[in-house]
N, C-alpha and C. Protein backbone atom coordinates (compact mmCIF):
# COMPACT_ATOMS: atom_id res chain seq x y z
N UNK A 1 -73.08 61.54 -28.77
CA UNK A 1 -72.67 62.56 -29.72
C UNK A 1 -72.93 62.05 -31.14
N UNK A 2 -73.54 62.89 -31.95
CA UNK A 2 -73.85 62.47 -33.32
C UNK A 2 -72.59 62.45 -34.16
N UNK A 3 -72.69 61.73 -35.27
CA UNK A 3 -71.57 61.71 -36.20
C UNK A 3 -71.42 63.08 -36.84
N UNK A 4 -70.22 63.38 -37.25
CA UNK A 4 -69.99 64.64 -37.96
C UNK A 4 -69.04 65.54 -37.23
N UNK A 5 -68.48 66.45 -37.99
CA UNK A 5 -67.47 67.37 -37.48
C UNK A 5 -67.72 68.74 -38.06
N UNK A 6 -67.58 69.76 -37.22
CA UNK A 6 -67.66 71.15 -37.65
C UNK A 6 -66.28 71.78 -37.55
N UNK A 7 -65.87 72.47 -38.61
CA UNK A 7 -64.65 73.27 -38.56
C UNK A 7 -65.02 74.67 -38.09
N UNK A 8 -64.23 75.22 -37.20
CA UNK A 8 -64.49 76.56 -36.67
C UNK A 8 -63.44 77.49 -37.25
N UNK A 9 -63.89 78.39 -38.13
CA UNK A 9 -63.00 79.30 -38.83
C UNK A 9 -62.93 78.99 -40.31
N UNK A 10 -63.45 79.89 -41.14
CA UNK A 10 -63.40 79.72 -42.60
C UNK A 10 -62.07 80.29 -43.09
N UNK A 11 -61.02 79.56 -42.83
CA UNK A 11 -59.66 80.08 -42.96
C UNK A 11 -58.85 79.28 -43.97
N UNK A 12 -57.62 79.77 -44.21
CA UNK A 12 -56.69 78.99 -45.01
C UNK A 12 -56.38 77.66 -44.36
N UNK A 13 -56.29 77.63 -43.03
CA UNK A 13 -56.04 76.38 -42.33
C UNK A 13 -57.19 75.40 -42.55
N UNK A 14 -58.42 75.90 -42.54
CA UNK A 14 -59.57 75.02 -42.82
C UNK A 14 -59.44 74.41 -44.21
N UNK A 15 -59.04 75.22 -45.20
CA UNK A 15 -58.88 74.68 -46.56
C UNK A 15 -57.77 73.65 -46.62
N UNK A 16 -56.71 73.87 -45.84
CA UNK A 16 -55.62 72.89 -45.83
C UNK A 16 -56.06 71.57 -45.21
N UNK A 17 -56.83 71.66 -44.14
CA UNK A 17 -57.34 70.45 -43.50
C UNK A 17 -58.25 69.68 -44.46
N UNK A 18 -59.11 70.41 -45.15
CA UNK A 18 -59.99 69.77 -46.12
C UNK A 18 -59.19 69.15 -47.27
N UNK A 19 -58.19 69.86 -47.75
CA UNK A 19 -57.38 69.34 -48.85
C UNK A 19 -56.59 68.11 -48.44
N UNK A 20 -56.28 68.01 -47.14
CA UNK A 20 -55.50 66.87 -46.65
C UNK A 20 -56.35 65.62 -46.44
N UNK A 21 -57.66 65.74 -46.70
CA UNK A 21 -58.50 64.55 -46.73
C UNK A 21 -59.31 64.27 -45.49
N UNK A 22 -59.54 65.25 -44.65
CA UNK A 22 -60.38 65.02 -43.48
C UNK A 22 -61.78 64.59 -43.95
N UNK A 23 -62.39 63.70 -43.19
CA UNK A 23 -63.72 63.21 -43.55
C UNK A 23 -64.73 63.58 -42.47
N UNK A 24 -65.99 63.52 -42.83
CA UNK A 24 -67.07 63.73 -41.87
C UNK A 24 -67.42 65.16 -41.57
N UNK A 25 -66.84 66.11 -42.31
CA UNK A 25 -67.13 67.52 -42.05
C UNK A 25 -68.50 67.88 -42.59
N UNK A 26 -69.37 68.40 -41.73
CA UNK A 26 -70.74 68.72 -42.12
C UNK A 26 -70.97 70.22 -42.29
N UNK A 27 -69.98 71.03 -41.90
CA UNK A 27 -70.15 72.47 -42.05
C UNK A 27 -69.01 73.22 -41.40
N UNK A 28 -69.01 74.54 -41.65
CA UNK A 28 -68.01 75.44 -41.09
C UNK A 28 -68.73 76.55 -40.33
N UNK A 29 -68.19 76.92 -39.18
CA UNK A 29 -68.72 78.03 -38.40
C UNK A 29 -67.74 79.20 -38.45
N UNK A 30 -68.26 80.40 -38.73
CA UNK A 30 -67.41 81.58 -38.79
C UNK A 30 -68.26 82.79 -38.43
N UNK A 31 -67.65 83.76 -37.74
CA UNK A 31 -68.40 84.93 -37.28
C UNK A 31 -68.60 86.00 -38.34
N UNK A 32 -68.01 85.85 -39.51
CA UNK A 32 -68.19 86.82 -40.58
C UNK A 32 -69.54 86.56 -41.27
N UNK A 33 -70.52 87.44 -41.07
CA UNK A 33 -71.85 87.18 -41.64
C UNK A 33 -71.86 87.15 -43.16
N UNK A 34 -70.89 87.81 -43.78
CA UNK A 34 -70.86 87.82 -45.25
C UNK A 34 -70.50 86.45 -45.82
N UNK A 35 -69.97 85.56 -44.99
CA UNK A 35 -69.60 84.22 -45.46
C UNK A 35 -70.73 83.22 -45.35
N UNK A 36 -71.78 83.59 -44.64
CA UNK A 36 -72.88 82.66 -44.42
C UNK A 36 -73.48 82.22 -45.74
N UNK A 37 -73.58 80.92 -45.92
CA UNK A 37 -74.14 80.37 -47.15
C UNK A 37 -73.13 80.17 -48.27
N UNK A 38 -71.90 80.64 -48.07
CA UNK A 38 -70.86 80.40 -49.07
C UNK A 38 -70.17 79.06 -48.77
N UNK A 39 -69.25 78.68 -49.63
CA UNK A 39 -68.51 77.44 -49.42
C UNK A 39 -67.02 77.70 -49.31
N UNK A 40 -66.37 76.93 -48.47
CA UNK A 40 -64.92 76.96 -48.32
C UNK A 40 -64.43 75.53 -48.55
N UNK A 41 -63.64 75.35 -49.60
CA UNK A 41 -63.17 74.00 -49.90
C UNK A 41 -64.29 73.02 -50.15
N UNK A 42 -65.41 73.52 -50.66
CA UNK A 42 -66.54 72.65 -50.95
C UNK A 42 -67.46 72.39 -49.77
N UNK A 43 -67.22 73.04 -48.62
CA UNK A 43 -68.04 72.85 -47.43
C UNK A 43 -68.73 74.16 -47.08
N UNK A 44 -70.01 74.10 -46.76
CA UNK A 44 -70.81 75.30 -46.52
C UNK A 44 -70.52 75.92 -45.16
N UNK A 45 -70.50 77.26 -45.14
CA UNK A 45 -70.47 78.01 -43.88
C UNK A 45 -71.91 78.11 -43.39
N UNK A 46 -72.20 77.48 -42.25
CA UNK A 46 -73.59 77.29 -41.83
C UNK A 46 -73.99 78.11 -40.61
N UNK A 47 -73.04 78.84 -40.01
CA UNK A 47 -73.40 79.62 -38.85
C UNK A 47 -72.19 80.30 -38.23
N UNK A 48 -72.43 80.92 -37.05
CA UNK A 48 -71.36 81.58 -36.33
C UNK A 48 -70.74 80.66 -35.28
N UNK A 49 -69.65 81.12 -34.68
CA UNK A 49 -68.91 80.31 -33.72
C UNK A 49 -69.78 79.91 -32.55
N UNK A 50 -70.59 80.83 -32.03
CA UNK A 50 -71.40 80.52 -30.86
C UNK A 50 -72.44 79.44 -31.12
N UNK A 51 -72.76 79.19 -32.38
CA UNK A 51 -73.72 78.13 -32.70
C UNK A 51 -73.20 76.76 -32.28
N UNK A 52 -71.90 76.64 -32.09
CA UNK A 52 -71.34 75.35 -31.69
C UNK A 52 -71.94 74.86 -30.37
N UNK A 53 -72.28 75.80 -29.49
CA UNK A 53 -72.81 75.42 -28.18
C UNK A 53 -74.17 74.75 -28.27
N UNK A 54 -74.90 75.00 -29.37
CA UNK A 54 -76.25 74.46 -29.52
C UNK A 54 -76.29 73.23 -30.42
N UNK A 55 -75.11 72.74 -30.80
CA UNK A 55 -75.04 71.58 -31.67
C UNK A 55 -74.26 70.48 -30.94
N UNK A 56 -74.21 69.28 -31.55
CA UNK A 56 -73.54 68.20 -30.85
C UNK A 56 -72.45 67.51 -31.67
N UNK A 57 -72.10 68.09 -32.84
CA UNK A 57 -70.99 67.53 -33.60
C UNK A 57 -69.67 67.80 -32.88
N UNK A 58 -68.65 67.04 -33.25
CA UNK A 58 -67.31 67.36 -32.79
C UNK A 58 -66.84 68.65 -33.46
N UNK A 59 -65.83 69.27 -32.85
CA UNK A 59 -65.34 70.56 -33.32
C UNK A 59 -63.84 70.49 -33.57
N UNK A 60 -63.38 71.27 -34.55
CA UNK A 60 -61.95 71.42 -34.81
C UNK A 60 -61.70 72.89 -35.11
N UNK A 61 -60.89 73.55 -34.27
CA UNK A 61 -60.66 74.99 -34.41
C UNK A 61 -59.59 75.21 -35.48
N UNK A 62 -59.98 75.85 -36.57
CA UNK A 62 -59.07 76.08 -37.70
C UNK A 62 -58.70 77.56 -37.78
N UNK A 63 -58.16 78.07 -36.69
CA UNK A 63 -57.68 79.44 -36.60
C UNK A 63 -56.15 79.36 -36.53
N UNK A 64 -55.45 80.08 -37.41
CA UNK A 64 -54.00 79.95 -37.49
C UNK A 64 -53.26 80.31 -36.22
N UNK A 65 -53.38 81.54 -35.71
CA UNK A 65 -52.62 81.92 -34.52
C UNK A 65 -53.08 81.15 -33.28
N UNK A 66 -52.11 80.68 -32.48
CA UNK A 66 -52.47 79.93 -31.29
C UNK A 66 -53.29 80.73 -30.30
N UNK A 67 -53.00 82.01 -30.16
CA UNK A 67 -53.77 82.84 -29.24
C UNK A 67 -55.23 82.93 -29.69
N UNK A 68 -55.45 82.95 -31.01
CA UNK A 68 -56.81 82.97 -31.53
C UNK A 68 -57.55 81.67 -31.24
N UNK A 69 -56.85 80.54 -31.40
CA UNK A 69 -57.48 79.26 -31.06
C UNK A 69 -57.82 79.21 -29.58
N UNK A 70 -56.92 79.68 -28.75
CA UNK A 70 -57.17 79.68 -27.30
C UNK A 70 -58.38 80.54 -26.96
N UNK A 71 -58.50 81.70 -27.58
CA UNK A 71 -59.64 82.57 -27.30
C UNK A 71 -60.96 81.91 -27.67
N UNK A 72 -60.98 81.20 -28.80
CA UNK A 72 -62.21 80.51 -29.21
C UNK A 72 -62.56 79.39 -28.24
N UNK A 73 -61.55 78.61 -27.84
CA UNK A 73 -61.81 77.52 -26.89
C UNK A 73 -62.33 78.07 -25.57
N UNK A 74 -61.75 79.16 -25.08
CA UNK A 74 -62.21 79.75 -23.82
C UNK A 74 -63.62 80.30 -23.96
N UNK A 75 -63.89 80.92 -25.09
CA UNK A 75 -65.24 81.46 -25.35
C UNK A 75 -66.28 80.34 -25.37
N UNK A 76 -65.96 79.24 -26.01
CA UNK A 76 -66.91 78.13 -26.07
C UNK A 76 -67.02 77.41 -24.74
N UNK A 77 -65.93 77.36 -23.99
CA UNK A 77 -65.99 76.75 -22.66
C UNK A 77 -66.97 77.50 -21.76
N UNK A 78 -66.97 78.81 -21.86
CA UNK A 78 -67.91 79.61 -21.07
C UNK A 78 -69.35 79.34 -21.44
N UNK A 79 -69.55 78.80 -22.64
CA UNK A 79 -70.90 78.45 -23.08
C UNK A 79 -71.22 76.98 -22.87
N UNK A 80 -70.36 76.29 -22.16
CA UNK A 80 -70.64 74.91 -21.79
C UNK A 80 -70.08 73.86 -22.73
N UNK A 81 -69.22 74.25 -23.67
CA UNK A 81 -68.62 73.26 -24.58
C UNK A 81 -67.47 72.56 -23.86
N UNK A 82 -67.60 71.27 -23.68
CA UNK A 82 -66.63 70.48 -22.92
C UNK A 82 -65.43 70.12 -23.78
N UNK A 83 -64.28 69.85 -23.15
CA UNK A 83 -63.09 69.45 -23.92
C UNK A 83 -63.33 68.24 -24.81
N UNK A 84 -64.20 67.34 -24.39
CA UNK A 84 -64.45 66.12 -25.16
C UNK A 84 -65.14 66.38 -26.50
N UNK A 85 -65.66 67.57 -26.69
CA UNK A 85 -66.30 67.90 -27.96
C UNK A 85 -65.30 68.04 -29.10
N UNK A 86 -64.04 68.23 -28.78
CA UNK A 86 -63.06 68.51 -29.83
C UNK A 86 -62.51 67.23 -30.43
N UNK A 87 -62.46 67.22 -31.76
CA UNK A 87 -61.83 66.12 -32.46
C UNK A 87 -60.35 66.39 -32.64
N UNK A 88 -59.73 65.59 -33.45
CA UNK A 88 -58.33 65.81 -33.85
C UNK A 88 -58.21 65.34 -35.29
N UNK A 89 -57.22 65.88 -36.00
CA UNK A 89 -56.99 65.44 -37.37
C UNK A 89 -55.52 65.17 -37.59
N UNK A 90 -55.21 63.94 -38.00
CA UNK A 90 -53.87 63.55 -38.38
C UNK A 90 -53.93 63.09 -39.84
N UNK A 91 -53.26 63.80 -40.73
CA UNK A 91 -53.29 63.46 -42.15
C UNK A 91 -52.76 62.05 -42.36
N UNK A 92 -53.27 61.40 -43.38
CA UNK A 92 -52.91 60.02 -43.64
C UNK A 92 -51.41 59.83 -43.85
N UNK A 93 -50.76 60.82 -44.45
CA UNK A 93 -49.33 60.68 -44.73
C UNK A 93 -48.44 61.03 -43.54
N UNK A 94 -49.02 61.54 -42.46
CA UNK A 94 -48.23 61.81 -41.25
C UNK A 94 -47.88 60.49 -40.57
N UNK A 95 -46.73 60.49 -39.89
CA UNK A 95 -46.27 59.29 -39.18
C UNK A 95 -46.13 59.62 -37.69
N UNK A 96 -46.95 58.96 -36.88
CA UNK A 96 -46.95 59.19 -35.44
C UNK A 96 -46.42 57.93 -34.77
N UNK A 97 -45.30 58.03 -34.06
CA UNK A 97 -44.74 56.89 -33.36
C UNK A 97 -45.72 56.31 -32.35
N UNK A 98 -45.66 55.02 -32.16
CA UNK A 98 -46.65 54.34 -31.32
C UNK A 98 -46.56 54.75 -29.85
N UNK A 99 -45.43 55.34 -29.42
CA UNK A 99 -45.31 55.79 -28.03
C UNK A 99 -45.54 57.29 -27.88
N UNK A 100 -45.98 57.93 -28.93
CA UNK A 100 -46.26 59.37 -28.89
C UNK A 100 -47.77 59.60 -28.88
N UNK A 101 -48.19 60.79 -28.51
CA UNK A 101 -49.61 61.07 -28.40
C UNK A 101 -49.94 62.43 -28.99
N UNK A 102 -51.16 62.53 -29.50
CA UNK A 102 -51.67 63.76 -30.10
C UNK A 102 -52.95 64.14 -29.37
N UNK A 103 -52.99 65.35 -28.83
CA UNK A 103 -54.11 65.78 -27.99
C UNK A 103 -55.34 66.19 -28.78
N UNK A 104 -56.42 66.40 -28.04
CA UNK A 104 -57.69 66.81 -28.62
C UNK A 104 -57.56 68.18 -29.27
N UNK A 105 -58.24 68.35 -30.39
CA UNK A 105 -58.25 69.62 -31.09
C UNK A 105 -57.04 69.89 -31.94
N UNK A 106 -56.09 68.96 -31.96
CA UNK A 106 -54.84 69.21 -32.69
C UNK A 106 -54.95 68.82 -34.15
N UNK A 107 -54.12 69.47 -34.96
CA UNK A 107 -54.10 69.28 -36.41
C UNK A 107 -52.67 68.94 -36.82
N UNK A 108 -52.50 67.78 -37.46
CA UNK A 108 -51.20 67.32 -37.92
C UNK A 108 -51.31 67.09 -39.42
N UNK A 109 -50.64 67.90 -40.21
CA UNK A 109 -50.82 67.87 -41.66
C UNK A 109 -49.81 66.94 -42.35
N UNK A 110 -49.86 66.92 -43.67
CA UNK A 110 -49.14 65.93 -44.46
C UNK A 110 -47.63 65.98 -44.23
N UNK A 111 -47.03 64.80 -44.19
CA UNK A 111 -45.59 64.68 -44.13
C UNK A 111 -44.97 64.90 -42.77
N UNK A 112 -45.77 65.17 -41.75
CA UNK A 112 -45.22 65.34 -40.40
C UNK A 112 -44.73 63.99 -39.89
N UNK A 113 -43.58 63.99 -39.23
CA UNK A 113 -43.04 62.80 -38.58
C UNK A 113 -42.88 63.08 -37.10
N UNK A 114 -43.50 62.24 -36.28
CA UNK A 114 -43.35 62.31 -34.82
C UNK A 114 -42.78 60.97 -34.39
N UNK A 115 -41.62 60.97 -33.74
CA UNK A 115 -40.95 59.71 -33.43
C UNK A 115 -41.38 59.17 -32.06
N UNK A 116 -40.47 59.02 -31.12
CA UNK A 116 -40.75 58.28 -29.90
C UNK A 116 -41.03 59.18 -28.70
N UNK A 117 -42.06 58.80 -27.94
CA UNK A 117 -42.34 59.39 -26.62
C UNK A 117 -42.49 60.91 -26.67
N UNK A 118 -43.07 61.41 -27.74
CA UNK A 118 -43.36 62.84 -27.85
C UNK A 118 -44.80 63.11 -27.42
N UNK A 119 -45.03 64.30 -26.92
CA UNK A 119 -46.37 64.72 -26.51
C UNK A 119 -46.77 65.94 -27.32
N UNK A 120 -47.80 65.77 -28.12
CA UNK A 120 -48.40 66.88 -28.86
C UNK A 120 -49.69 67.21 -28.11
N UNK A 121 -49.72 68.31 -27.39
CA UNK A 121 -50.83 68.61 -26.49
C UNK A 121 -52.06 69.07 -27.27
N UNK A 122 -53.01 69.69 -26.59
CA UNK A 122 -54.31 70.03 -27.18
C UNK A 122 -54.23 71.29 -28.04
N UNK A 123 -54.99 71.27 -29.13
CA UNK A 123 -55.17 72.44 -29.99
C UNK A 123 -53.86 72.97 -30.57
N UNK A 124 -52.93 72.07 -30.82
CA UNK A 124 -51.70 72.45 -31.51
C UNK A 124 -51.89 72.29 -33.02
N UNK A 125 -51.06 72.97 -33.79
CA UNK A 125 -51.07 72.82 -35.25
C UNK A 125 -49.66 72.54 -35.72
N UNK A 126 -49.49 71.42 -36.43
CA UNK A 126 -48.23 71.07 -37.05
C UNK A 126 -48.44 71.10 -38.55
N UNK A 127 -47.85 72.08 -39.21
CA UNK A 127 -47.99 72.24 -40.65
C UNK A 127 -47.14 71.19 -41.38
N UNK A 128 -47.26 71.09 -42.71
CA UNK A 128 -46.61 69.99 -43.42
C UNK A 128 -45.10 69.89 -43.18
N UNK A 129 -44.66 68.63 -43.12
CA UNK A 129 -43.24 68.26 -43.11
C UNK A 129 -42.47 68.69 -41.87
N UNK A 130 -43.16 68.87 -40.76
CA UNK A 130 -42.45 69.07 -39.49
C UNK A 130 -41.87 67.74 -39.00
N UNK A 131 -40.75 67.84 -38.27
CA UNK A 131 -40.14 66.65 -37.67
C UNK A 131 -40.05 66.86 -36.17
N UNK A 132 -40.71 65.98 -35.43
CA UNK A 132 -40.77 66.04 -33.96
C UNK A 132 -40.09 64.77 -33.46
N UNK A 133 -38.97 64.91 -32.75
CA UNK A 133 -38.20 63.74 -32.38
C UNK A 133 -38.43 63.35 -30.91
N UNK A 134 -37.65 62.39 -30.43
CA UNK A 134 -37.94 61.75 -29.15
C UNK A 134 -38.04 62.73 -27.99
N UNK A 135 -39.05 62.50 -27.17
CA UNK A 135 -39.25 63.21 -25.90
C UNK A 135 -39.57 64.69 -26.05
N UNK A 136 -39.92 65.13 -27.24
CA UNK A 136 -40.37 66.52 -27.41
C UNK A 136 -41.74 66.70 -26.77
N UNK A 137 -41.99 67.90 -26.26
CA UNK A 137 -43.30 68.27 -25.72
C UNK A 137 -43.73 69.57 -26.39
N UNK A 138 -44.88 69.52 -27.03
CA UNK A 138 -45.44 70.71 -27.67
C UNK A 138 -46.72 71.04 -26.91
N UNK A 139 -46.71 72.15 -26.20
CA UNK A 139 -47.81 72.48 -25.30
C UNK A 139 -49.02 73.05 -26.06
N UNK A 140 -50.13 73.17 -25.33
CA UNK A 140 -51.40 73.60 -25.90
C UNK A 140 -51.25 74.87 -26.75
N UNK A 141 -51.95 74.88 -27.89
CA UNK A 141 -52.10 76.05 -28.75
C UNK A 141 -50.81 76.48 -29.46
N UNK A 142 -49.75 75.69 -29.36
CA UNK A 142 -48.53 76.01 -30.11
C UNK A 142 -48.76 75.77 -31.60
N UNK A 143 -47.99 76.48 -32.43
CA UNK A 143 -48.08 76.36 -33.89
C UNK A 143 -46.68 76.19 -34.46
N UNK A 144 -46.50 75.13 -35.24
CA UNK A 144 -45.25 74.90 -35.95
C UNK A 144 -45.52 75.02 -37.43
N UNK A 145 -44.91 75.99 -38.08
CA UNK A 145 -45.09 76.19 -39.51
C UNK A 145 -44.36 75.09 -40.29
N UNK A 146 -44.56 75.09 -41.60
CA UNK A 146 -44.05 74.01 -42.44
C UNK A 146 -42.54 73.84 -42.29
N UNK A 147 -42.11 72.59 -42.16
CA UNK A 147 -40.69 72.28 -42.19
C UNK A 147 -39.93 72.47 -40.90
N UNK A 148 -40.60 72.79 -39.80
CA UNK A 148 -39.91 72.95 -38.52
C UNK A 148 -39.31 71.61 -38.09
N UNK A 149 -38.12 71.65 -37.52
CA UNK A 149 -37.43 70.44 -37.07
C UNK A 149 -36.98 70.63 -35.63
N UNK A 150 -37.41 69.73 -34.75
CA UNK A 150 -37.04 69.79 -33.34
C UNK A 150 -36.11 68.64 -32.99
N UNK A 151 -34.99 68.96 -32.33
CA UNK A 151 -34.14 67.92 -31.78
C UNK A 151 -34.82 67.25 -30.60
N UNK A 152 -34.19 66.23 -30.04
CA UNK A 152 -34.80 65.50 -28.93
C UNK A 152 -34.92 66.34 -27.67
N UNK A 153 -35.99 66.08 -26.91
CA UNK A 153 -36.17 66.72 -25.62
C UNK A 153 -36.48 68.20 -25.65
N UNK A 154 -36.92 68.71 -26.78
CA UNK A 154 -37.31 70.12 -26.89
C UNK A 154 -38.69 70.31 -26.27
N UNK A 155 -38.91 71.45 -25.62
CA UNK A 155 -40.23 71.82 -25.12
C UNK A 155 -40.65 73.13 -25.78
N UNK A 156 -41.82 73.12 -26.39
CA UNK A 156 -42.39 74.32 -27.03
C UNK A 156 -43.56 74.76 -26.17
N UNK A 157 -43.49 75.98 -25.64
CA UNK A 157 -44.48 76.46 -24.69
C UNK A 157 -45.83 76.80 -25.30
N UNK A 158 -46.79 77.00 -24.43
CA UNK A 158 -48.17 77.28 -24.84
C UNK A 158 -48.23 78.49 -25.78
N UNK A 159 -48.94 78.30 -26.89
CA UNK A 159 -49.20 79.36 -27.88
C UNK A 159 -47.94 79.95 -28.50
N UNK A 160 -46.82 79.24 -28.40
CA UNK A 160 -45.60 79.68 -29.11
C UNK A 160 -45.78 79.44 -30.61
N UNK A 161 -44.99 80.17 -31.40
CA UNK A 161 -45.04 80.03 -32.86
C UNK A 161 -43.63 79.86 -33.40
N UNK A 162 -43.43 78.82 -34.19
CA UNK A 162 -42.15 78.58 -34.85
C UNK A 162 -42.35 78.71 -36.35
N UNK A 163 -41.58 79.61 -36.98
CA UNK A 163 -41.74 79.89 -38.40
C UNK A 163 -41.18 78.79 -39.29
N UNK A 164 -41.48 78.91 -40.59
CA UNK A 164 -41.11 77.88 -41.56
C UNK A 164 -39.62 77.54 -41.49
N UNK A 165 -39.37 76.23 -41.48
CA UNK A 165 -38.01 75.69 -41.57
C UNK A 165 -37.10 76.07 -40.40
N UNK A 166 -37.68 76.52 -39.30
CA UNK A 166 -36.87 76.75 -38.11
C UNK A 166 -36.38 75.41 -37.57
N UNK A 167 -35.17 75.41 -36.99
CA UNK A 167 -34.60 74.21 -36.39
C UNK A 167 -34.22 74.53 -34.94
N UNK A 168 -34.55 73.60 -34.04
CA UNK A 168 -34.31 73.81 -32.61
C UNK A 168 -33.42 72.70 -32.08
N UNK A 169 -32.32 73.10 -31.45
CA UNK A 169 -31.35 72.15 -30.90
C UNK A 169 -31.98 71.33 -29.78
N UNK A 170 -31.46 70.12 -29.59
CA UNK A 170 -31.99 69.23 -28.56
C UNK A 170 -31.94 69.89 -27.18
N UNK A 171 -32.98 69.64 -26.40
CA UNK A 171 -33.04 70.11 -25.03
C UNK A 171 -33.42 71.56 -24.82
N UNK A 172 -33.62 72.30 -25.89
CA UNK A 172 -33.95 73.73 -25.79
C UNK A 172 -35.43 73.90 -25.41
N UNK A 173 -35.69 74.97 -24.67
CA UNK A 173 -37.06 75.32 -24.28
C UNK A 173 -37.46 76.61 -25.01
N UNK A 174 -38.58 76.55 -25.71
CA UNK A 174 -39.19 77.73 -26.33
C UNK A 174 -40.30 78.18 -25.41
N UNK A 175 -40.21 79.37 -24.84
CA UNK A 175 -41.16 79.81 -23.83
C UNK A 175 -42.55 80.07 -24.38
N UNK A 176 -43.51 80.11 -23.48
CA UNK A 176 -44.90 80.37 -23.85
C UNK A 176 -45.02 81.69 -24.58
N UNK A 177 -45.79 81.68 -25.68
CA UNK A 177 -46.04 82.90 -26.43
C UNK A 177 -44.86 83.44 -27.19
N UNK A 178 -43.75 82.71 -27.23
CA UNK A 178 -42.57 83.16 -27.97
C UNK A 178 -42.77 82.96 -29.47
N UNK A 179 -42.00 83.71 -30.27
CA UNK A 179 -42.02 83.59 -31.72
C UNK A 179 -40.60 83.33 -32.20
N UNK A 180 -40.46 82.32 -33.05
CA UNK A 180 -39.18 82.01 -33.68
C UNK A 180 -39.32 82.23 -35.17
N UNK A 181 -38.45 83.05 -35.75
CA UNK A 181 -38.55 83.41 -37.16
C UNK A 181 -38.24 82.25 -38.09
N UNK A 182 -38.70 82.38 -39.32
CA UNK A 182 -38.50 81.30 -40.29
C UNK A 182 -37.01 81.15 -40.60
N UNK A 183 -36.60 79.89 -40.73
CA UNK A 183 -35.21 79.59 -41.03
C UNK A 183 -34.25 79.76 -39.89
N UNK A 184 -34.75 80.05 -38.69
CA UNK A 184 -33.88 80.27 -37.54
C UNK A 184 -33.23 78.96 -37.09
N UNK A 185 -32.03 79.07 -36.52
CA UNK A 185 -31.37 77.93 -35.88
C UNK A 185 -31.25 78.27 -34.39
N UNK A 186 -32.10 77.62 -33.59
CA UNK A 186 -32.22 77.98 -32.17
C UNK A 186 -31.32 77.06 -31.35
N UNK A 187 -30.30 77.65 -30.72
CA UNK A 187 -29.32 76.88 -29.96
C UNK A 187 -29.48 77.06 -28.45
N UNK A 188 -30.27 78.05 -28.03
CA UNK A 188 -30.43 78.35 -26.61
C UNK A 188 -31.91 78.58 -26.30
N UNK A 189 -32.25 78.49 -25.02
CA UNK A 189 -33.64 78.69 -24.60
C UNK A 189 -34.14 80.07 -25.01
N UNK A 190 -35.39 80.10 -25.43
CA UNK A 190 -36.05 81.36 -25.82
C UNK A 190 -37.05 81.73 -24.73
N UNK A 191 -36.86 82.88 -24.05
CA UNK A 191 -37.77 83.25 -22.97
C UNK A 191 -39.20 83.46 -23.46
N UNK A 192 -40.14 83.27 -22.57
CA UNK A 192 -41.55 83.47 -22.88
C UNK A 192 -41.78 84.86 -23.46
N UNK A 193 -42.54 84.92 -24.53
CA UNK A 193 -42.93 86.18 -25.13
C UNK A 193 -41.90 86.82 -26.03
N UNK A 194 -40.69 86.29 -26.08
CA UNK A 194 -39.63 86.87 -26.91
C UNK A 194 -39.83 86.51 -28.38
N UNK A 195 -39.18 87.30 -29.24
CA UNK A 195 -39.09 86.99 -30.67
C UNK A 195 -37.62 86.82 -31.01
N UNK A 196 -37.28 85.65 -31.55
CA UNK A 196 -35.90 85.35 -31.94
C UNK A 196 -35.87 85.00 -33.41
N UNK A 197 -34.74 85.34 -34.06
CA UNK A 197 -34.56 84.99 -35.48
C UNK A 197 -33.08 84.94 -35.78
N UNK A 198 -32.75 84.35 -36.93
CA UNK A 198 -31.36 84.34 -37.39
C UNK A 198 -30.66 83.01 -37.21
N UNK A 199 -29.42 82.98 -37.69
CA UNK A 199 -28.57 81.78 -37.61
C UNK A 199 -27.21 82.20 -37.06
N UNK A 200 -26.87 81.89 -35.82
CA UNK A 200 -27.78 81.30 -34.84
C UNK A 200 -28.82 82.32 -34.39
N UNK A 201 -29.93 81.82 -33.86
CA UNK A 201 -31.03 82.72 -33.49
C UNK A 201 -30.66 83.58 -32.28
N UNK A 202 -31.07 84.84 -32.37
CA UNK A 202 -30.88 85.79 -31.27
C UNK A 202 -32.16 86.58 -31.09
N UNK A 203 -32.29 87.20 -29.91
CA UNK A 203 -33.46 88.03 -29.64
C UNK A 203 -33.48 89.25 -30.55
N UNK A 204 -34.67 89.59 -31.01
CA UNK A 204 -34.85 90.81 -31.81
C UNK A 204 -35.32 91.92 -30.89
N UNK A 205 -34.73 93.09 -31.07
CA UNK A 205 -35.10 94.24 -30.26
C UNK A 205 -35.37 95.42 -31.18
N UNK A 206 -36.33 96.24 -30.77
CA UNK A 206 -36.62 97.44 -31.56
C UNK A 206 -35.46 98.44 -31.43
N UNK A 207 -35.09 99.03 -32.53
CA UNK A 207 -34.05 100.07 -32.54
C UNK A 207 -34.70 101.40 -32.91
N UNK A 208 -34.69 102.33 -31.96
CA UNK A 208 -35.36 103.60 -32.22
C UNK A 208 -34.31 104.72 -32.26
């Protein structure tokens, strides 16, 4: 594999990754043809997403929503892009405990603290100043917005989203595809696909 990294998605997340000091980026891929030849954070948009299959640089998916990242990974997998093609980015100011791990394709931004025996799976995004404590598991494609704090032994399901400054009590499970509102205090398990918010957090339901 040649040296170099391609960011997939000319997004705000891509600009944040670039601002956090990632090195080796040779271009950005995005499906918006109007962006071709423009620059994002000083890096040129050089092609569309499918072009990744014909190149050999490492890839980093910079799409904010976890479901969007998952769709891109599945699309590229169908074109023969192997999991090993994906890089990872951990900002210099982030602190990752020596017994914790960060999966392929994941993005860990400035000020994040990950303590002991935590698992950050593939294609997750941890925005600035998140705190991940002992034995937490963050599954593939999950997104933690800035300032999220997890107690010990929390599990965040695939493609779940936790809003800014949400706090999750130790041992709680956030189900796959669930959404937790910003500033929420989550004291109980959140079922898959649910949206919870408030202090303490409760399920939100439409009132018609």
